[in-house]
Structures are given as structure tokens and as C-alpha cells.
Amino acid sequence: MKDEYDFSQGERGKFYSPDPLGAAYNLKAMSRSLAEQIEFVATHQRRQEAEVLAEALRAGLAEIYQDALVQAFLAGEVSRAWMVEEVGADRLNEIEQRRDAFEKDLAGAASILAARAHEPRPPTWANGRRPFRPETSIRSAGGPTGRVT
């Protein structure tokens, strides 16, 4: 890599695009089904494809924002009052009920695992495998060919 580059011979505005979505907006680069959906909506609503795509991105961003809000609330990073303002009281009650049900299920699973921790386990070798028992080996049972050796 050079210490200095000479841009005196460069062309001003060579990569400028008046399209607000820039060079990244290319329906051919998207999956066929997504491109077809955008074209269909644009045709039937008599709108430009860029407008339809921008609206779809905003709708997706709103959903991602809602999910991030829920995660922040569950982590204790957002106050309850702020969540009521952002998502509404009914949605917040639903989130809290789901959280409580999950915590109850998690506590039940933890108690089951704790009870199983005290059960005796079959003997194992140091590497974690069970000891070899010749009476249950494949060869004594006839093996894959059915012949007993």
C-alpha cells in the first residue's frame, strides 16, 4: 500500500447516484421471488419499485425494532413505563405473561435436572465411555452378516 495516492486525475462524481437506495438497489441481484413480489406490488398499486422496497424495509425495520424492545425489556434495560408507551399496555401484559410462563417452565426443568443429578449412573471409563461387555457385542450377536464368530 502506498503512503500517498494521487487523485488529481480522478473524475468528480463518478460513483454518485441520484437514486436514494444507491447502487445496492438492484432487483436482479435479489432472490427471484422477492423481486417478483416487489414488481407485482409496484405494478398493481401503480407505484415505483423503489417506493415499494423502501416501504417494505420500513415495515421490516419496525418489526425488528419491536423485537429489540422486547429483548431490552426482558434484560431489564428498558423501563416498564417506556415499554407501555412504545408497545401498549396489552402487548406488554402479553410479554410479561409469556416471560412468567417461561421462567416457570425453566424452574421446573431445573428441578428435574437437579433430581436426576442424584440418581446413580452406570459405570463408565475415564474417557466417558461405557465399559465393553462382550455378551452385547455385535460379533457375539451374529454381526451384520448374521454369522456368529
N, C-alpha and C. Protein backbone atom coordinates (compact mmCIF):
# COMPACT_ATOMS: atom_id res chain seq x y z
N MET A 1 0.84 -1.17 0.00
CA MET A 1 0.00 0.00 0.00
C MET A 1 0.89 1.24 0.00
N LYS A 2 0.52 2.19 -0.83
CA LYS A 2 1.33 3.40 -0.94
C LYS A 2 1.06 4.33 0.24
N ASP A 3 2.06 5.17 0.52
CA ASP A 3 1.88 6.17 1.57
C ASP A 3 0.92 7.26 1.13
N GLU A 4 0.99 7.66 -0.16
CA GLU A 4 0.12 8.70 -0.69
C GLU A 4 -0.42 8.26 -2.04
N TYR A 5 -1.63 8.66 -2.34
CA TYR A 5 -2.26 8.38 -3.62
C TYR A 5 -2.55 9.70 -4.32
N ASP A 6 -2.45 9.69 -5.65
CA ASP A 6 -2.70 10.89 -6.46
C ASP A 6 -4.11 10.80 -7.04
N PHE A 7 -4.99 11.68 -6.58
CA PHE A 7 -6.36 11.71 -7.06
C PHE A 7 -6.60 12.88 -8.02
N SER A 8 -5.53 13.51 -8.50
CA SER A 8 -5.68 14.67 -9.36
C SER A 8 -6.29 14.31 -10.71
N GLN A 9 -6.12 13.10 -11.17
CA GLN A 9 -6.66 12.67 -12.45
C GLN A 9 -8.04 12.01 -12.30
N GLY A 10 -8.59 11.99 -11.09
CA GLY A 10 -9.88 11.36 -10.84
C GLY A 10 -11.05 12.16 -11.40
N GLU A 11 -12.16 11.48 -11.58
CA GLU A 11 -13.36 12.12 -12.11
C GLU A 11 -14.32 12.38 -10.95
N ARG A 12 -14.72 13.63 -10.78
CA ARG A 12 -15.60 14.01 -9.68
C ARG A 12 -17.01 13.50 -9.94
N GLY A 13 -17.62 12.88 -8.93
CA GLY A 13 -18.99 12.40 -9.05
C GLY A 13 -19.14 11.12 -9.85
N LYS A 14 -18.06 10.39 -10.05
CA LYS A 14 -18.11 9.18 -10.87
C LYS A 14 -19.04 8.13 -10.27
N PHE A 15 -19.06 8.01 -8.97
CA PHE A 15 -19.86 6.98 -8.31
C PHE A 15 -21.14 7.54 -7.68
N TYR A 16 -21.49 8.77 -7.99
CA TYR A 16 -22.69 9.38 -7.45
C TYR A 16 -23.92 8.79 -8.13
N SER A 17 -24.96 8.53 -7.33
CA SER A 17 -26.21 8.01 -7.88
C SER A 17 -27.35 8.80 -7.26
N PRO A 18 -28.21 9.40 -8.08
CA PRO A 18 -29.32 10.16 -7.51
C PRO A 18 -30.38 9.27 -6.88
N ASP A 19 -30.33 7.97 -7.14
CA ASP A 19 -31.28 7.02 -6.54
C ASP A 19 -31.02 6.97 -5.04
N PRO A 20 -32.05 7.18 -4.19
CA PRO A 20 -31.81 7.20 -2.74
C PRO A 20 -31.32 5.87 -2.18
N LEU A 21 -31.61 4.78 -2.89
CA LEU A 21 -31.15 3.48 -2.41
C LEU A 21 -29.77 3.13 -2.94
N GLY A 22 -29.24 3.94 -3.86
CA GLY A 22 -27.89 3.77 -4.36
C GLY A 22 -27.75 2.54 -5.24
N ALA A 23 -26.51 2.15 -5.42
CA ALA A 23 -26.21 1.03 -6.31
C ALA A 23 -26.66 -0.30 -5.73
N ALA A 24 -26.94 -0.34 -4.42
CA ALA A 24 -27.35 -1.59 -3.80
C ALA A 24 -28.74 -2.04 -4.26
N TYR A 25 -29.54 -1.09 -4.77
CA TYR A 25 -30.89 -1.42 -5.22
C TYR A 25 -30.81 -2.00 -6.62
N ASN A 26 -30.94 -3.30 -6.71
CA ASN A 26 -30.92 -3.99 -7.99
C ASN A 26 -31.80 -5.22 -7.84
N LEU A 27 -32.96 -5.19 -8.49
CA LEU A 27 -33.88 -6.31 -8.33
C LEU A 27 -33.31 -7.62 -8.87
N LYS A 28 -32.44 -7.55 -9.86
CA LYS A 28 -31.87 -8.77 -10.41
C LYS A 28 -30.93 -9.45 -9.43
N ALA A 29 -30.35 -8.67 -8.52
CA ALA A 29 -29.44 -9.24 -7.54
C ALA A 29 -30.19 -9.91 -6.40
N MET A 30 -31.48 -9.57 -6.23
CA MET A 30 -32.28 -10.17 -5.16
C MET A 30 -32.78 -11.54 -5.58
N SER A 31 -33.34 -12.24 -4.64
CA SER A 31 -33.93 -13.53 -4.98
C SER A 31 -35.09 -13.31 -5.94
N ARG A 32 -35.34 -14.28 -6.76
CA ARG A 32 -36.37 -14.14 -7.78
C ARG A 32 -37.74 -13.89 -7.15
N SER A 33 -38.09 -14.61 -6.12
CA SER A 33 -39.41 -14.45 -5.54
C SER A 33 -39.59 -13.05 -4.94
N LEU A 34 -38.56 -12.53 -4.29
CA LEU A 34 -38.65 -11.19 -3.71
C LEU A 34 -38.79 -10.14 -4.81
N ALA A 35 -38.01 -10.28 -5.86
CA ALA A 35 -38.09 -9.34 -6.97
C ALA A 35 -39.47 -9.39 -7.62
N GLU A 36 -39.99 -10.60 -7.78
CA GLU A 36 -41.32 -10.74 -8.38
C GLU A 36 -42.40 -10.12 -7.49
N GLN A 37 -42.26 -10.29 -6.20
CA GLN A 37 -43.25 -9.71 -5.29
C GLN A 37 -43.22 -8.18 -5.35
N ILE A 38 -42.03 -7.61 -5.38
CA ILE A 38 -41.92 -6.16 -5.45
C ILE A 38 -42.48 -5.65 -6.77
N GLU A 39 -42.16 -6.31 -7.87
CA GLU A 39 -42.68 -5.90 -9.17
C GLU A 39 -44.20 -6.01 -9.21
N PHE A 40 -44.75 -7.07 -8.63
CA PHE A 40 -46.20 -7.26 -8.62
C PHE A 40 -46.89 -6.13 -7.86
N VAL A 41 -46.38 -5.83 -6.66
CA VAL A 41 -46.98 -4.76 -5.85
C VAL A 41 -46.85 -3.43 -6.56
N ALA A 42 -45.69 -3.16 -7.13
CA ALA A 42 -45.48 -1.89 -7.82
C ALA A 42 -46.42 -1.75 -9.01
N THR A 43 -46.61 -2.83 -9.76
CA THR A 43 -47.49 -2.78 -10.93
C THR A 43 -48.93 -2.58 -10.52
N HIS A 44 -49.39 -3.32 -9.53
CA HIS A 44 -50.79 -3.29 -9.16
C HIS A 44 -51.17 -2.07 -8.33
N GLN A 45 -50.22 -1.47 -7.66
CA GLN A 45 -50.51 -0.25 -6.90
C GLN A 45 -50.07 1.00 -7.66
N ARG A 46 -49.57 0.80 -8.88
CA ARG A 46 -49.12 1.89 -9.74
C ARG A 46 -48.11 2.79 -9.02
N ARG A 47 -47.09 2.13 -8.46
CA ARG A 47 -46.03 2.83 -7.75
C ARG A 47 -44.69 2.40 -8.32
N GLN A 48 -43.65 3.13 -7.98
CA GLN A 48 -42.31 2.74 -8.41
C GLN A 48 -41.78 1.64 -7.49
N GLU A 49 -40.92 0.81 -8.07
CA GLU A 49 -40.37 -0.30 -7.30
C GLU A 49 -39.55 0.19 -6.11
N ALA A 50 -38.86 1.30 -6.25
CA ALA A 50 -38.05 1.84 -5.15
C ALA A 50 -38.94 2.23 -3.97
N GLU A 51 -40.12 2.79 -4.25
CA GLU A 51 -41.04 3.15 -3.18
C GLU A 51 -41.54 1.92 -2.44
N VAL A 52 -41.87 0.88 -3.20
CA VAL A 52 -42.36 -0.36 -2.59
C VAL A 52 -41.27 -0.98 -1.74
N LEU A 53 -40.05 -1.01 -2.25
CA LEU A 53 -38.93 -1.58 -1.50
C LEU A 53 -38.66 -0.79 -0.22
N ALA A 54 -38.69 0.53 -0.32
CA ALA A 54 -38.46 1.37 0.86
C ALA A 54 -39.54 1.14 1.92
N GLU A 55 -40.79 1.00 1.48
CA GLU A 55 -41.88 0.73 2.43
C GLU A 55 -41.70 -0.64 3.09
N ALA A 56 -41.29 -1.62 2.31
CA ALA A 56 -41.07 -2.96 2.86
C ALA A 56 -39.93 -2.94 3.88
N LEU A 57 -38.89 -2.20 3.58
CA LEU A 57 -37.77 -2.10 4.52
C LEU A 57 -38.20 -1.42 5.82
N ARG A 58 -39.01 -0.36 5.70
CA ARG A 58 -39.50 0.32 6.91
C ARG A 58 -40.36 -0.63 7.75
N ALA A 59 -41.22 -1.41 7.08
CA ALA A 59 -42.08 -2.34 7.81
C ALA A 59 -41.23 -3.40 8.51
N GLY A 60 -40.21 -3.90 7.81
CA GLY A 60 -39.31 -4.88 8.42
C GLY A 60 -38.53 -4.30 9.58
N LEU A 61 -38.10 -3.06 9.42
CA LEU A 61 -37.36 -2.40 10.49
C LEU A 61 -38.24 -2.18 11.71
N ALA A 62 -39.50 -1.88 11.49
CA ALA A 62 -40.43 -1.70 12.62
C ALA A 62 -40.57 -3.00 13.40
N GLU A 63 -40.63 -4.11 12.69
CA GLU A 63 -40.75 -5.41 13.36
C GLU A 63 -39.47 -5.74 14.13
N ILE A 64 -38.33 -5.46 13.53
CA ILE A 64 -37.05 -5.70 14.20
C ILE A 64 -36.92 -4.81 15.44
N TYR A 65 -37.39 -3.57 15.32
CA TYR A 65 -37.36 -2.64 16.45
C TYR A 65 -38.22 -3.16 17.60
N GLN A 66 -39.41 -3.67 17.28
CA GLN A 66 -40.29 -4.23 18.31
C GLN A 66 -39.61 -5.41 19.01
N ASP A 67 -38.97 -6.28 18.25
CA ASP A 67 -38.26 -7.42 18.84
C ASP A 67 -37.12 -6.96 19.75
N ALA A 68 -36.40 -5.95 19.31
CA ALA A 68 -35.30 -5.43 20.12
C ALA A 68 -35.82 -4.80 21.42
N LEU A 69 -36.96 -4.13 21.33
CA LEU A 69 -37.57 -3.55 22.53
C LEU A 69 -37.92 -4.64 23.54
N VAL A 70 -38.50 -5.72 23.06
CA VAL A 70 -38.88 -6.83 23.95
C VAL A 70 -37.64 -7.42 24.60
N GLN A 71 -36.59 -7.64 23.82
CA GLN A 71 -35.36 -8.20 24.38
C GLN A 71 -34.75 -7.27 25.41
N ALA A 72 -34.77 -5.96 25.14
CA ALA A 72 -34.22 -5.00 26.09
C ALA A 72 -35.05 -4.97 27.37
N PHE A 73 -36.37 -5.07 27.25
CA PHE A 73 -37.23 -5.09 28.43
C PHE A 73 -36.97 -6.33 29.27
N LEU A 74 -36.87 -7.49 28.61
CA LEU A 74 -36.63 -8.73 29.34
C LEU A 74 -35.26 -8.74 30.01
N ALA A 75 -34.31 -8.02 29.44
CA ALA A 75 -32.97 -7.93 30.03
C ALA A 75 -32.90 -6.86 31.11
N GLY A 76 -33.98 -6.12 31.31
CA GLY A 76 -34.00 -5.07 32.34
C GLY A 76 -33.37 -3.77 31.91
N GLU A 77 -33.17 -3.58 30.60
CA GLU A 77 -32.52 -2.38 30.10
C GLU A 77 -33.51 -1.26 29.77
N VAL A 78 -34.80 -1.58 29.74
CA VAL A 78 -35.84 -0.61 29.40
C VAL A 78 -36.90 -0.64 30.50
N SER A 79 -37.38 0.53 30.90
CA SER A 79 -38.38 0.59 31.97
C SER A 79 -39.75 0.14 31.48
N ARG A 80 -40.58 -0.26 32.42
CA ARG A 80 -41.94 -0.71 32.10
C ARG A 80 -42.77 0.45 31.54
N ALA A 81 -42.60 1.63 32.10
CA ALA A 81 -43.36 2.80 31.63
C ALA A 81 -43.02 3.12 30.18
N TRP A 82 -41.75 3.01 29.83
CA TRP A 82 -41.35 3.28 28.46
C TRP A 82 -41.91 2.23 27.51
N MET A 83 -41.94 0.96 27.96
CA MET A 83 -42.50 -0.11 27.12
C MET A 83 -43.99 0.10 26.90
N VAL A 84 -44.72 0.55 27.94
CA VAL A 84 -46.15 0.83 27.77
C VAL A 84 -46.34 1.90 26.71
N GLU A 85 -45.48 2.90 26.73
CA GLU A 85 -45.56 3.99 25.76
C GLU A 85 -45.24 3.50 24.34
N GLU A 86 -44.30 2.58 24.21
CA GLU A 86 -43.86 2.12 22.89
C GLU A 86 -44.75 1.03 22.30
N VAL A 87 -45.12 0.02 23.11
CA VAL A 87 -45.86 -1.12 22.56
C VAL A 87 -47.29 -1.20 23.05
N GLY A 88 -47.65 -0.47 24.07
CA GLY A 88 -49.00 -0.51 24.60
C GLY A 88 -49.11 -1.46 25.79
N ALA A 89 -50.12 -1.20 26.63
CA ALA A 89 -50.27 -1.98 27.86
C ALA A 89 -50.67 -3.43 27.58
N ASP A 90 -51.54 -3.66 26.60
CA ASP A 90 -51.98 -5.02 26.30
C ASP A 90 -50.82 -5.89 25.82
N ARG A 91 -50.02 -5.36 24.92
CA ARG A 91 -48.88 -6.12 24.41
C ARG A 91 -47.86 -6.35 25.51
N LEU A 92 -47.67 -5.39 26.38
CA LEU A 92 -46.73 -5.56 27.49
C LEU A 92 -47.21 -6.63 28.46
N ASN A 93 -48.51 -6.66 28.76
CA ASN A 93 -49.05 -7.72 29.62
C ASN A 93 -48.84 -9.10 29.00
N GLU A 94 -49.03 -9.19 27.68
CA GLU A 94 -48.79 -10.47 26.99
C GLU A 94 -47.32 -10.88 27.10
N ILE A 95 -46.41 -9.92 26.94
CA ILE A 95 -44.97 -10.20 27.05
C ILE A 95 -44.63 -10.68 28.46
N GLU A 96 -45.19 -10.02 29.46
CA GLU A 96 -44.91 -10.40 30.85
C GLU A 96 -45.48 -11.77 31.18
N GLN A 97 -46.67 -12.10 30.66
CA GLN A 97 -47.24 -13.43 30.89
C GLN A 97 -46.38 -14.51 30.26
N ARG A 98 -45.90 -14.26 29.06
CA ARG A 98 -45.02 -15.23 28.40
C ARG A 98 -43.71 -15.39 29.15
N ARG A 99 -43.17 -14.27 29.65
CA ARG A 99 -41.93 -14.33 30.43
C ARG A 99 -42.14 -15.16 31.70
N ASP A 100 -43.25 -14.92 32.40
CA ASP A 100 -43.53 -15.66 33.63
C ASP A 100 -43.71 -17.14 33.36
N ALA A 101 -44.41 -17.48 32.27
CA ALA A 101 -44.60 -18.89 31.92
C ALA A 101 -43.26 -19.54 31.59
N PHE A 102 -42.40 -18.82 30.88
CA PHE A 102 -41.08 -19.36 30.53
C PHE A 102 -40.24 -19.59 31.78
N GLU A 103 -40.25 -18.63 32.70
CA GLU A 103 -39.49 -18.78 33.93
C GLU A 103 -40.00 -19.94 34.77
N LYS A 104 -41.32 -20.16 34.77
CA LYS A 104 -41.90 -21.28 35.50
C LYS A 104 -41.46 -22.60 34.86
N ASP A 105 -41.50 -22.68 33.53
CA ASP A 105 -41.04 -23.88 32.84
C ASP A 105 -39.56 -24.13 33.08
N LEU A 106 -38.78 -23.06 33.09
CA LEU A 106 -37.34 -23.18 33.31
C LEU A 106 -37.05 -23.68 34.73
N ALA A 107 -37.80 -23.20 35.71
CA ALA A 107 -37.62 -23.65 37.08
C ALA A 107 -37.99 -25.13 37.22
N GLY A 108 -39.06 -25.55 36.51
CA GLY A 108 -39.44 -26.97 36.53
C GLY A 108 -38.38 -27.84 35.91
N ALA A 109 -37.80 -27.41 34.81
CA ALA A 109 -36.75 -28.18 34.15
C ALA A 109 -35.51 -28.25 35.03
N ALA A 110 -35.19 -27.16 35.72
CA ALA A 110 -34.03 -27.16 36.61
C ALA A 110 -34.22 -28.12 37.77
N SER A 111 -35.45 -28.21 38.30
CA SER A 111 -35.69 -29.14 39.41
C SER A 111 -35.60 -30.59 38.92
N ILE A 112 -36.05 -30.86 37.71
CA ILE A 112 -35.94 -32.21 37.16
C ILE A 112 -34.48 -32.58 36.97
N LEU A 113 -33.69 -31.66 36.44
CA LEU A 113 -32.26 -31.93 36.25
C LEU A 113 -31.54 -32.11 37.58
N ALA A 114 -31.94 -31.34 38.57
CA ALA A 114 -31.32 -31.49 39.89
C ALA A 114 -31.65 -32.86 40.49
N ALA A 115 -32.87 -33.33 40.30
CA ALA A 115 -33.25 -34.65 40.81
C ALA A 115 -32.49 -35.74 40.09
N ARG A 116 -32.29 -35.59 38.80
CA ARG A 116 -31.55 -36.60 38.03
C ARG A 116 -30.07 -36.62 38.38
N ALA A 117 -29.55 -35.51 38.88
CA ALA A 117 -28.13 -35.45 39.23
C ALA A 117 -27.80 -36.38 40.38
N HIS A 118 -28.79 -36.70 41.20
CA HIS A 118 -28.55 -37.57 42.36
C HIS A 118 -28.81 -39.03 42.06
N GLU A 119 -29.30 -39.36 40.86
CA GLU A 119 -29.54 -40.75 40.51
C GLU A 119 -28.22 -41.44 40.21
N PRO A 120 -28.12 -42.73 40.54
CA PRO A 120 -26.87 -43.44 40.21
C PRO A 120 -26.74 -43.60 38.70
N ARG A 121 -25.52 -43.50 38.24
CA ARG A 121 -25.24 -43.64 36.82
C ARG A 121 -24.53 -44.96 36.55
N PRO A 122 -24.67 -45.46 35.33
CA PRO A 122 -23.96 -46.70 35.01
C PRO A 122 -22.45 -46.46 35.03
N PRO A 123 -21.68 -47.49 35.29
CA PRO A 123 -20.23 -47.31 35.36
C PRO A 123 -19.67 -46.88 34.01
N THR A 124 -18.67 -46.02 34.05
CA THR A 124 -18.01 -45.56 32.83
C THR A 124 -16.51 -45.58 33.02
N TRP A 125 -15.82 -45.60 31.93
CA TRP A 125 -14.37 -45.47 31.99
C TRP A 125 -14.01 -44.01 32.15
N ALA A 126 -12.74 -43.76 32.27
CA ALA A 126 -12.27 -42.39 32.46
C ALA A 126 -12.58 -41.51 31.25
N ASN A 127 -12.62 -42.12 30.06
CA ASN A 127 -12.88 -41.32 28.86
C ASN A 127 -14.37 -41.07 28.63
N GLY A 128 -15.24 -41.54 29.52
CA GLY A 128 -16.66 -41.28 29.41
C GLY A 128 -17.45 -42.37 28.72
N ARG A 129 -16.77 -43.39 28.18
CA ARG A 129 -17.47 -44.48 27.51
C ARG A 129 -17.87 -45.55 28.52
N ARG A 130 -18.89 -46.30 28.14
CA ARG A 130 -19.26 -47.43 28.99
C ARG A 130 -18.25 -48.56 28.82
N PRO A 131 -18.08 -49.38 29.83
CA PRO A 131 -17.14 -50.50 29.69
C PRO A 131 -17.66 -51.50 28.66
N PHE A 132 -16.74 -52.16 27.99
CA PHE A 132 -17.07 -53.14 26.97
C PHE A 132 -17.68 -54.38 27.61
N ARG A 133 -18.80 -54.83 27.08
CA ARG A 133 -19.43 -56.05 27.55
C ARG A 133 -19.50 -57.02 26.38
N PRO A 134 -18.74 -58.09 26.40
CA PRO A 134 -18.68 -58.98 25.23
C PRO A 134 -20.02 -59.65 24.92
N GLU A 135 -20.88 -59.87 25.91
CA GLU A 135 -22.16 -60.54 25.63
C GLU A 135 -23.12 -59.67 24.80
N THR A 136 -22.86 -58.37 24.74
CA THR A 136 -23.72 -57.50 23.95
C THR A 136 -23.02 -56.95 22.71
N SER A 137 -21.86 -57.53 22.38
CA SER A 137 -21.14 -57.01 21.23
C SER A 137 -21.80 -57.46 19.93
N ILE A 138 -21.46 -56.80 18.84
CA ILE A 138 -22.04 -57.13 17.53
C ILE A 138 -21.61 -58.51 17.09
N ARG A 139 -20.35 -58.88 17.33
CA ARG A 139 -19.86 -60.17 16.86
C ARG A 139 -20.56 -61.34 17.54
N SER A 140 -20.82 -61.23 18.84
CA SER A 140 -21.48 -62.35 19.52
C SER A 140 -22.94 -62.46 19.13
N ALA A 141 -23.55 -61.38 18.62
CA ALA A 141 -24.94 -61.42 18.21
C ALA A 141 -25.09 -61.80 16.75
N GLY A 142 -24.02 -62.13 16.08
CA GLY A 142 -24.10 -62.53 14.70
C GLY A 142 -23.57 -61.48 13.77
N GLY A 143 -23.37 -60.28 14.24
CA GLY A 143 -22.81 -59.22 13.43
C GLY A 143 -23.71 -58.84 12.26
N PRO A 144 -23.21 -57.98 11.42
CA PRO A 144 -24.03 -57.52 10.30
C PRO A 144 -24.29 -58.61 9.25
N THR A 145 -23.43 -59.64 9.20
CA THR A 145 -23.62 -60.70 8.20
C THR A 145 -24.51 -61.82 8.75
N GLY A 146 -24.76 -61.85 10.03
CA GLY A 146 -25.58 -62.90 10.62
C GLY A 146 -24.79 -64.11 11.06
N ARG A 147 -23.50 -64.16 10.75
CA ARG A 147 -22.67 -65.29 11.15
C ARG A 147 -22.08 -65.05 12.52
N VAL A 148 -22.12 -66.06 13.36
CA VAL A 148 -21.54 -65.97 14.69
C VAL A 148 -20.09 -66.41 14.57
N THR A 149 -19.18 -65.61 15.14
CA THR A 149 -17.77 -65.96 15.05
C THR A 149 -17.27 -66.53 16.34
